[in-house]
Amino acid sequence: TGTLGTYAQLEVNPLQKLTLLLGGRYDRVNINGLYDLDVESLDNNRQLGVFVPRLSALYKLAPDLKLRAGYARGYRAPQAFDEDLHIETVGGAALFTRLSPDLQTEHSDSYSASLNYSLDRGALQANFVLEGFHTRLHNPFVIADQQELPSGVAVATKRNGEGATVQGLNAEVNLAAGEKWLLQAGFTLQSARFDVEEELWAPENLTEFNADSVVSTRNILRTPNAYGFFSVGYRPNDRFSLDWSGLVTGSMPVAHVVDPETEFTVIKDTPAFFENNLRASYRFLLSEDTRLEISGGVQNLFNSYQTDFDRGADRDAGYIFGPSRPRTLFAGV
């Protein structure tokens, strides 16, 4: 693919307390896609034009309290690289993801509003943010229709869905107590739903007698309804530091191919994960210009990790979710 873009932005202050930002860009996307699957060969060569506007407003309710509101459009053009050429393995056979010939650009209209409160009291500095967001997805990408071609190559098709909505609340806090303590944390509650049921799998010969075996969902897959992060840093001096951080990932639906012969797919709800990481470091002053730092710690301290990986020749290698590492010790110089 190739992209040619233009961009313009204007910032105005109609009032002393009000700042407006207007912007927009126009992108021209060229797609040159060729799927050479030995026996079958599929082409996807297209040109797409996308206009992306944005608008934001900042109003100072008080010196330490700000109200923000904004609108922005985003998009994802049909891609012929990266995840679209990613090859999974199901039952020992390669599973390719191909673009539908009719695939259109996915774009979103996002609206947000937030309150931002800042506090500066001597050694204590703080910033609090409470935000609400609403995003409409148009022509969202959906990977479905897994099947086996006559050559034996398994493929899934990326096509457009009917539409979806992602909306929720987000809260963040940043605290600094002098130069020794630093705290950052955030948490999001949201819903992510398609407008209509999206079909993930159906029998090759669909009839009224097997219609109840169709697998579909209104939930956007691999998208939790709750997630968050935190980080606590302690630096008693300029040589020693201790950091504790973590990620919270709520339950989410994922697709799981359980029959490699028919590509039969089910939807499973993952458990929630709470990943904790610890890191300590110490710096030695060897000379005026040279410092040596040693560090060590543990990632995923309590081993919050997936426990039901597929095994054997018929495994679904794409059925992976949650933290990327089990409990892991590390050290560095």
Protein backbone atom coordinates (compact mmCIF):
# COMPACT_ATOMS: atom_id res chain seq x y z
CA THR A 1 0.00 0.00 0.00
CA GLY A 2 0.96 3.66 -0.34
CA THR A 3 -0.55 6.82 1.13
CA LEU A 4 -0.33 10.46 0.00
CA GLY A 5 -1.75 12.93 2.53
CA THR A 6 -2.34 16.65 3.03
CA TYR A 7 -3.06 18.37 6.34
CA ALA A 8 -4.20 21.81 7.56
CA GLN A 9 -4.87 23.16 11.06
CA LEU A 10 -6.17 26.42 12.54
CA GLU A 11 -6.13 27.48 16.21
CA VAL A 12 -8.25 30.46 17.31
CA ASN A 13 -9.02 32.16 20.65
CA PRO A 14 -12.41 33.88 20.30
CA LEU A 15 -12.48 34.42 24.09
CA GLN A 16 -9.73 34.66 26.67
CA LYS A 17 -10.88 31.41 28.29
CA LEU A 18 -11.80 29.58 25.07
CA THR A 19 -9.48 27.92 22.56
CA LEU A 20 -10.75 26.28 19.38
CA LEU A 21 -8.75 23.97 17.15
CA LEU A 22 -9.89 23.09 13.64
CA GLY A 23 -8.07 20.65 11.42
CA GLY A 24 -8.43 18.26 8.58
CA ARG A 25 -6.49 16.04 6.23
CA TYR A 26 -7.12 14.28 2.97
CA ASP A 27 -5.40 10.99 2.21
CA ARG A 28 -5.14 9.13 -1.06
CA VAL A 29 -4.50 5.42 -0.48
CA ASN A 30 -3.23 3.08 -3.18
CA ILE A 31 -3.64 -0.66 -2.60
CA ASN A 32 -1.74 -3.26 -4.60
CA GLY A 33 -2.59 -6.69 -3.20
CA LEU A 34 -1.80 -10.08 -4.68
CA TYR A 35 -2.61 -13.35 -2.92
CA ASP A 36 -0.68 -16.16 -4.58
CA LEU A 37 -1.87 -19.33 -2.83
CA ASP A 38 -0.22 -21.77 -5.25
CA VAL A 39 -3.34 -22.99 -7.08
CA GLU A 40 -5.58 -19.99 -6.37
CA SER A 41 -4.55 -16.40 -7.07
CA LEU A 42 -6.50 -13.36 -5.86
CA ASP A 43 -5.91 -9.71 -6.81
CA ASN A 44 -6.99 -6.58 -4.93
CA ASN A 45 -5.84 -3.35 -6.61
CA ARG A 46 -7.74 -0.18 -5.64
CA GLN A 47 -7.47 3.56 -4.97
CA LEU A 48 -9.33 5.22 -2.09
CA GLY A 49 -9.72 8.85 -1.02
CA VAL A 50 -10.46 9.71 2.63
CA PHE A 51 -11.20 13.09 4.25
CA VAL A 52 -10.47 13.22 8.00
CA PRO A 53 -11.71 16.31 9.92
CA ARG A 54 -11.21 17.18 13.59
CA LEU A 55 -12.49 19.83 15.99
CA SER A 56 -11.66 20.44 19.63
CA ALA A 57 -12.50 23.09 22.21
CA LEU A 58 -10.86 23.99 25.53
CA TYR A 59 -12.63 26.20 28.07
CA LYS A 60 -10.98 27.28 31.34
CA LEU A 61 -13.69 27.13 34.01
CA ALA A 62 -11.10 28.15 36.61
CA PRO A 63 -7.30 28.43 36.69
CA ASP A 64 -7.04 24.79 37.77
CA LEU A 65 -10.18 23.37 36.10
CA LYS A 66 -10.53 22.86 32.35
CA LEU A 67 -13.35 21.53 30.21
CA ARG A 68 -12.47 19.87 26.91
CA ALA A 69 -14.72 18.63 24.12
CA GLY A 70 -13.86 17.27 20.75
CA TYR A 71 -14.82 15.48 17.59
CA ALA A 72 -12.45 13.52 15.37
CA ARG A 73 -12.75 11.16 12.45
CA GLY A 74 -10.38 8.25 12.05
CA TYR A 75 -10.02 5.56 9.44
CA ARG A 76 -8.30 2.33 8.49
CA ALA A 77 -7.89 1.68 4.80
CA PRO A 78 -7.97 -1.91 3.56
CA GLN A 79 -4.41 -3.10 4.09
CA ALA A 80 -2.38 -5.58 2.14
CA PHE A 81 0.42 -5.97 4.66
CA ASP A 82 1.07 -6.54 8.35
CA GLU A 83 -1.82 -8.44 9.97
CA ASP A 84 -3.46 -9.13 6.60
CA LEU A 85 -0.47 -11.22 5.58
CA HIS A 86 -0.18 -12.79 9.02
CA ILE A 87 -0.38 -16.57 8.80
CA GLU A 88 -1.99 -18.54 11.60
CA THR A 89 -1.90 -22.30 11.95
CA VAL A 90 -4.99 -24.45 12.46
CA GLY A 91 -4.65 -28.21 12.49
CA GLY A 92 -1.13 -27.96 11.09
CA ALA A 93 -2.32 -26.07 7.98
CA ALA A 94 -1.69 -22.41 7.17
CA LEU A 95 -4.64 -20.04 7.61
CA PHE A 96 -4.42 -16.91 5.46
CA THR A 97 -6.49 -13.75 5.92
CA ARG A 98 -7.53 -12.25 2.60
CA LEU A 99 -9.31 -8.99 1.80
CA SER A 100 -12.79 -9.13 0.38
CA PRO A 101 -12.90 -7.63 -3.14
CA ASP A 102 -15.68 -5.32 -1.87
CA LEU A 103 -13.85 -4.24 1.30
CA GLN A 104 -14.39 -0.54 1.99
CA THR A 105 -12.50 1.84 4.26
CA GLU A 106 -13.39 1.51 7.95
CA HIS A 107 -13.88 4.91 9.56
CA SER A 108 -15.03 6.25 12.90
CA ASP A 109 -16.71 9.36 14.27
CA SER A 110 -15.53 9.98 17.84
CA TYR A 111 -16.98 12.42 20.34
CA SER A 112 -15.46 13.09 23.75
CA ALA A 113 -15.82 15.43 26.70
CA SER A 114 -13.58 15.64 29.76
CA LEU A 115 -12.89 17.56 32.95
CA ASN A 116 -9.27 18.15 33.86
CA TYR A 117 -8.34 19.30 37.37
CA SER A 118 -4.78 20.30 38.29
CA LEU A 119 -3.44 20.72 41.82
CA ASP A 120 -0.13 22.32 42.83
CA ARG A 121 0.43 22.58 46.56
CA GLY A 122 4.11 22.81 47.41
CA ALA A 123 5.66 19.37 47.10
CA LEU A 124 2.33 17.84 45.99
CA GLN A 125 1.39 18.03 42.33
CA ALA A 126 -1.63 16.26 40.90
CA ASN A 127 -3.72 15.99 37.78
CA PHE A 128 -7.14 14.34 37.53
CA VAL A 129 -9.06 13.56 34.32
CA LEU A 130 -12.62 12.25 33.93
CA GLU A 131 -13.65 11.61 30.35
CA GLY A 132 -16.64 10.25 28.50
CA PHE A 133 -16.36 9.02 24.92
CA HIS A 134 -18.67 7.79 22.17
CA THR A 135 -17.36 6.33 18.92
CA ARG A 136 -19.39 5.21 15.94
CA LEU A 137 -17.63 2.72 13.67
CA HIS A 138 -18.77 2.62 10.05
CA ASN A 139 -17.97 -0.40 7.88
CA PRO A 140 -15.94 -2.04 10.68
CA PHE A 141 -13.55 -4.78 9.61
CA VAL A 142 -14.76 -8.28 10.48
CA ILE A 143 -12.74 -11.46 9.91
CA ALA A 144 -15.13 -14.30 9.17
CA ASP A 145 -16.17 -16.93 6.62
CA GLN A 146 -13.33 -19.33 7.32
CA GLN A 147 -13.19 -22.05 4.69
CA GLU A 148 -10.85 -24.43 2.93
CA LEU A 149 -10.14 -23.84 -0.75
CA PRO A 150 -10.03 -26.76 -3.23
CA SER A 151 -6.23 -26.65 -3.05
CA GLY A 152 -6.41 -27.37 0.70
CA VAL A 153 -5.37 -23.84 1.74
CA ALA A 154 -7.48 -22.45 4.60
CA VAL A 155 -8.55 -18.81 4.30
CA ALA A 156 -10.59 -16.33 6.28
CA THR A 157 -12.06 -13.21 4.69
CA LYS A 158 -11.80 -9.67 6.04
CA ARG A 159 -15.05 -7.93 5.12
CA ASN A 160 -17.10 -4.96 6.32
CA GLY A 161 -19.64 -5.24 9.12
CA GLU A 162 -22.87 -3.29 9.45
CA GLY A 163 -21.55 -0.82 12.02
CA ALA A 164 -20.60 -0.70 15.68
CA THR A 165 -20.50 1.56 18.73
CA VAL A 166 -17.77 1.86 21.35
CA GLN A 167 -18.58 4.09 24.32
CA GLY A 168 -17.66 4.46 27.95
CA LEU A 169 -15.94 6.36 30.73
CA ASN A 170 -12.26 6.83 31.44
CA ALA A 171 -10.58 8.15 34.61
CA GLU A 172 -6.90 8.98 35.10
CA VAL A 173 -4.81 10.37 37.94
CA ASN A 174 -1.20 11.54 38.15
CA LEU A 175 0.36 12.35 41.53
CA ALA A 176 3.86 13.52 42.43
CA ALA A 177 4.89 13.91 46.08
CA GLY A 178 8.13 15.83 45.90
CA GLU A 179 10.90 14.13 43.96
CA LYS A 180 10.54 10.76 45.72
CA TRP A 181 7.08 9.47 44.84
CA LEU A 182 5.25 9.29 41.53
CA LEU A 183 1.84 7.65 40.98
CA GLN A 184 -0.01 7.17 37.70
CA ALA A 185 -3.22 5.23 37.25
CA GLY A 186 -6.13 4.93 34.86
CA PHE A 187 -9.23 2.81 34.37
CA THR A 188 -11.77 2.45 31.58
CA LEU A 189 -15.27 1.00 31.52
CA GLN A 190 -16.79 0.60 28.08
CA SER A 191 -19.06 -1.35 25.78
CA ALA A 192 -18.08 -2.39 22.25
CA ARG A 193 -20.96 -3.79 20.21
CA PHE A 194 -21.84 -4.35 16.57
CA ASP A 195 -25.19 -2.97 15.42
CA VAL A 196 -26.31 -6.42 14.26
CA GLU A 197 -25.18 -9.98 14.82
CA GLU A 198 -22.00 -10.68 12.86
CA GLU A 199 -21.62 -14.19 11.52
CA LEU A 200 -18.27 -15.84 12.26
CA TRP A 201 -18.96 -19.35 11.04
CA ALA A 202 -21.70 -21.21 9.20
CA PRO A 203 -21.97 -24.73 7.75
CA GLU A 204 -20.79 -25.08 4.16
CA ASN A 205 -24.27 -26.20 3.14
CA LEU A 206 -26.61 -24.09 5.24
CA THR A 207 -30.18 -25.36 5.51
CA GLU A 208 -33.11 -24.85 7.82
CA PHE A 209 -32.08 -27.99 9.65
CA ASN A 210 -28.60 -26.78 10.64
CA ALA A 211 -29.26 -23.03 10.86
CA ASP A 212 -29.01 -23.17 14.65
CA SER A 213 -25.32 -24.12 14.37
CA VAL A 214 -24.34 -20.73 12.92
CA VAL A 215 -21.88 -18.90 15.22
CA SER A 216 -22.47 -15.16 15.50
CA THR A 217 -22.01 -12.34 18.00
CA ARG A 218 -22.74 -8.66 18.58
CA ASN A 219 -19.63 -8.20 20.73
CA ILE A 220 -16.43 -6.92 19.15
CA LEU A 221 -13.96 -9.73 19.74
CA ARG A 222 -10.77 -9.32 21.79
CA THR A 223 -12.13 -6.12 23.34
CA PRO A 224 -12.60 -6.10 27.13
CA ASN A 225 -15.28 -3.99 28.77
CA ALA A 226 -12.92 -3.05 31.61
CA TYR A 227 -9.19 -2.39 31.62
CA GLY A 228 -6.68 -0.20 33.42
CA PHE A 229 -3.11 0.43 34.46
CA PHE A 230 -1.09 1.77 37.38
CA SER A 231 2.51 2.71 38.11
CA VAL A 232 4.14 3.64 41.43
CA GLY A 233 7.70 4.93 41.47
CA TYR A 234 9.90 5.57 44.52
CA ARG A 235 13.22 7.41 44.19
CA PRO A 236 14.73 8.28 47.59
CA ASN A 237 17.87 9.65 45.90
CA ASP A 238 19.39 10.06 42.45
CA ARG A 239 20.93 6.57 42.53
CA PHE A 240 18.21 4.17 43.67
CA SER A 241 14.75 3.64 42.16
CA LEU A 242 11.97 1.15 42.78
CA ASP A 243 8.97 0.75 40.45
CA TRP A 244 5.76 -1.23 40.80
CA SER A 245 3.42 -1.30 37.80
CA GLY A 246 0.52 -3.33 36.57
CA LEU A 247 -2.13 -3.88 33.94
CA VAL A 248 -5.73 -4.95 34.49
CA THR A 249 -7.49 -6.65 31.58
CA GLY A 250 -11.12 -7.62 31.97
CA SER A 251 -12.85 -10.61 30.44
CA MET A 252 -13.36 -10.49 26.68
CA PRO A 253 -14.77 -12.75 23.94
CA VAL A 254 -12.29 -14.50 21.62
CA ALA A 255 -12.76 -16.84 18.69
CA HIS A 256 -11.49 -20.43 18.94
CA VAL A 257 -11.31 -22.88 16.02
CA VAL A 258 -12.15 -26.28 17.54
CA ASP A 259 -12.53 -28.40 14.38
CA PRO A 260 -9.76 -27.88 11.80
CA GLU A 261 -11.57 -29.95 9.16
CA THR A 262 -14.67 -27.74 9.03
CA GLU A 263 -13.08 -24.60 10.57
CA PHE A 264 -15.89 -24.73 13.17
CA THR A 265 -15.40 -21.75 15.47
CA VAL A 266 -16.76 -21.06 18.94
CA ILE A 267 -16.64 -17.91 21.06
CA LYS A 268 -15.12 -18.14 24.53
CA ASP A 269 -15.02 -15.57 27.34
CA THR A 270 -11.51 -15.19 28.73
CA PRO A 271 -10.79 -14.79 32.44
CA ALA A 272 -9.69 -11.40 33.78
CA PHE A 273 -5.98 -10.78 34.22
CA PHE A 274 -4.07 -8.65 36.75
CA GLU A 275 -0.42 -8.35 35.79
CA ASN A 276 2.06 -7.04 38.41
CA ASN A 277 5.63 -5.99 37.62
CA LEU A 278 8.47 -5.01 39.99
CA ARG A 279 11.76 -3.38 39.02
CA ALA A 280 14.65 -2.03 41.11
CA SER A 281 17.76 -0.26 39.86
CA TYR A 282 20.91 1.29 41.34
CA ARG A 283 23.38 3.63 39.65
CA PHE A 284 27.08 3.72 40.51
CA LEU A 285 29.08 6.85 39.79
CA LEU A 286 32.32 5.53 38.32
CA SER A 287 33.64 8.90 37.23
CA GLU A 288 32.38 12.37 36.44
CA ASP A 289 31.18 11.21 33.01
CA THR A 290 30.51 7.51 33.60
CA ARG A 291 27.71 5.78 35.43
CA LEU A 292 26.95 2.08 35.79
CA GLU A 293 23.37 0.97 36.41
CA ILE A 294 22.35 -2.49 37.56
CA SER A 295 18.70 -3.48 37.58
CA GLY A 296 16.48 -6.47 38.12
CA GLY A 297 12.98 -7.52 38.93
CA VAL A 298 10.08 -9.74 38.01
CA GLN A 299 7.37 -9.40 35.39
CA ASN A 300 3.90 -10.83 36.00
CA LEU A 301 4.71 -11.50 39.63
CA PHE A 302 1.62 -13.62 40.38
CA ASN A 303 1.72 -15.48 37.04
CA SER A 304 -1.62 -14.18 35.77
CA TYR A 305 -1.45 -16.03 32.47
CA GLN A 306 -3.49 -18.06 29.98
CA THR A 307 -3.84 -21.70 31.03
CA ASP A 308 -5.75 -23.28 28.14
CA PHE A 309 -3.40 -23.09 25.17
CA ASP A 310 -4.26 -25.54 22.39
CA ARG A 311 -1.83 -28.43 22.01
CA GLY A 312 -1.08 -31.05 19.40
CA ALA A 313 -1.25 -31.13 15.61
CA ASP A 314 -4.86 -29.89 15.52
CA ARG A 315 -4.25 -26.83 17.67
CA ASP A 316 -5.48 -23.32 16.83
CA ALA A 317 -2.24 -21.34 17.02
CA GLY A 318 -4.18 -18.07 16.97
CA TYR A 319 -6.03 -18.88 20.20
CA ILE A 320 -3.78 -16.73 22.38
CA PHE A 321 -4.79 -13.90 24.71
CA GLY A 322 -3.82 -12.14 27.92
CA PRO A 323 -0.35 -11.10 29.17
CA SER A 324 2.50 -11.85 26.76
CA ARG A 325 4.73 -13.40 29.45
CA PRO A 326 4.25 -15.74 32.40
CA ARG A 327 6.18 -14.97 35.59
CA THR A 328 9.59 -13.83 34.32
CA LEU A 329 12.74 -12.83 36.20
CA PHE A 330 15.07 -10.33 34.55
CA ALA A 331 18.32 -8.52 35.27
CA GLY A 332 20.38 -5.97 33.39
CA VAL A 333 23.59 -3.94 33.49
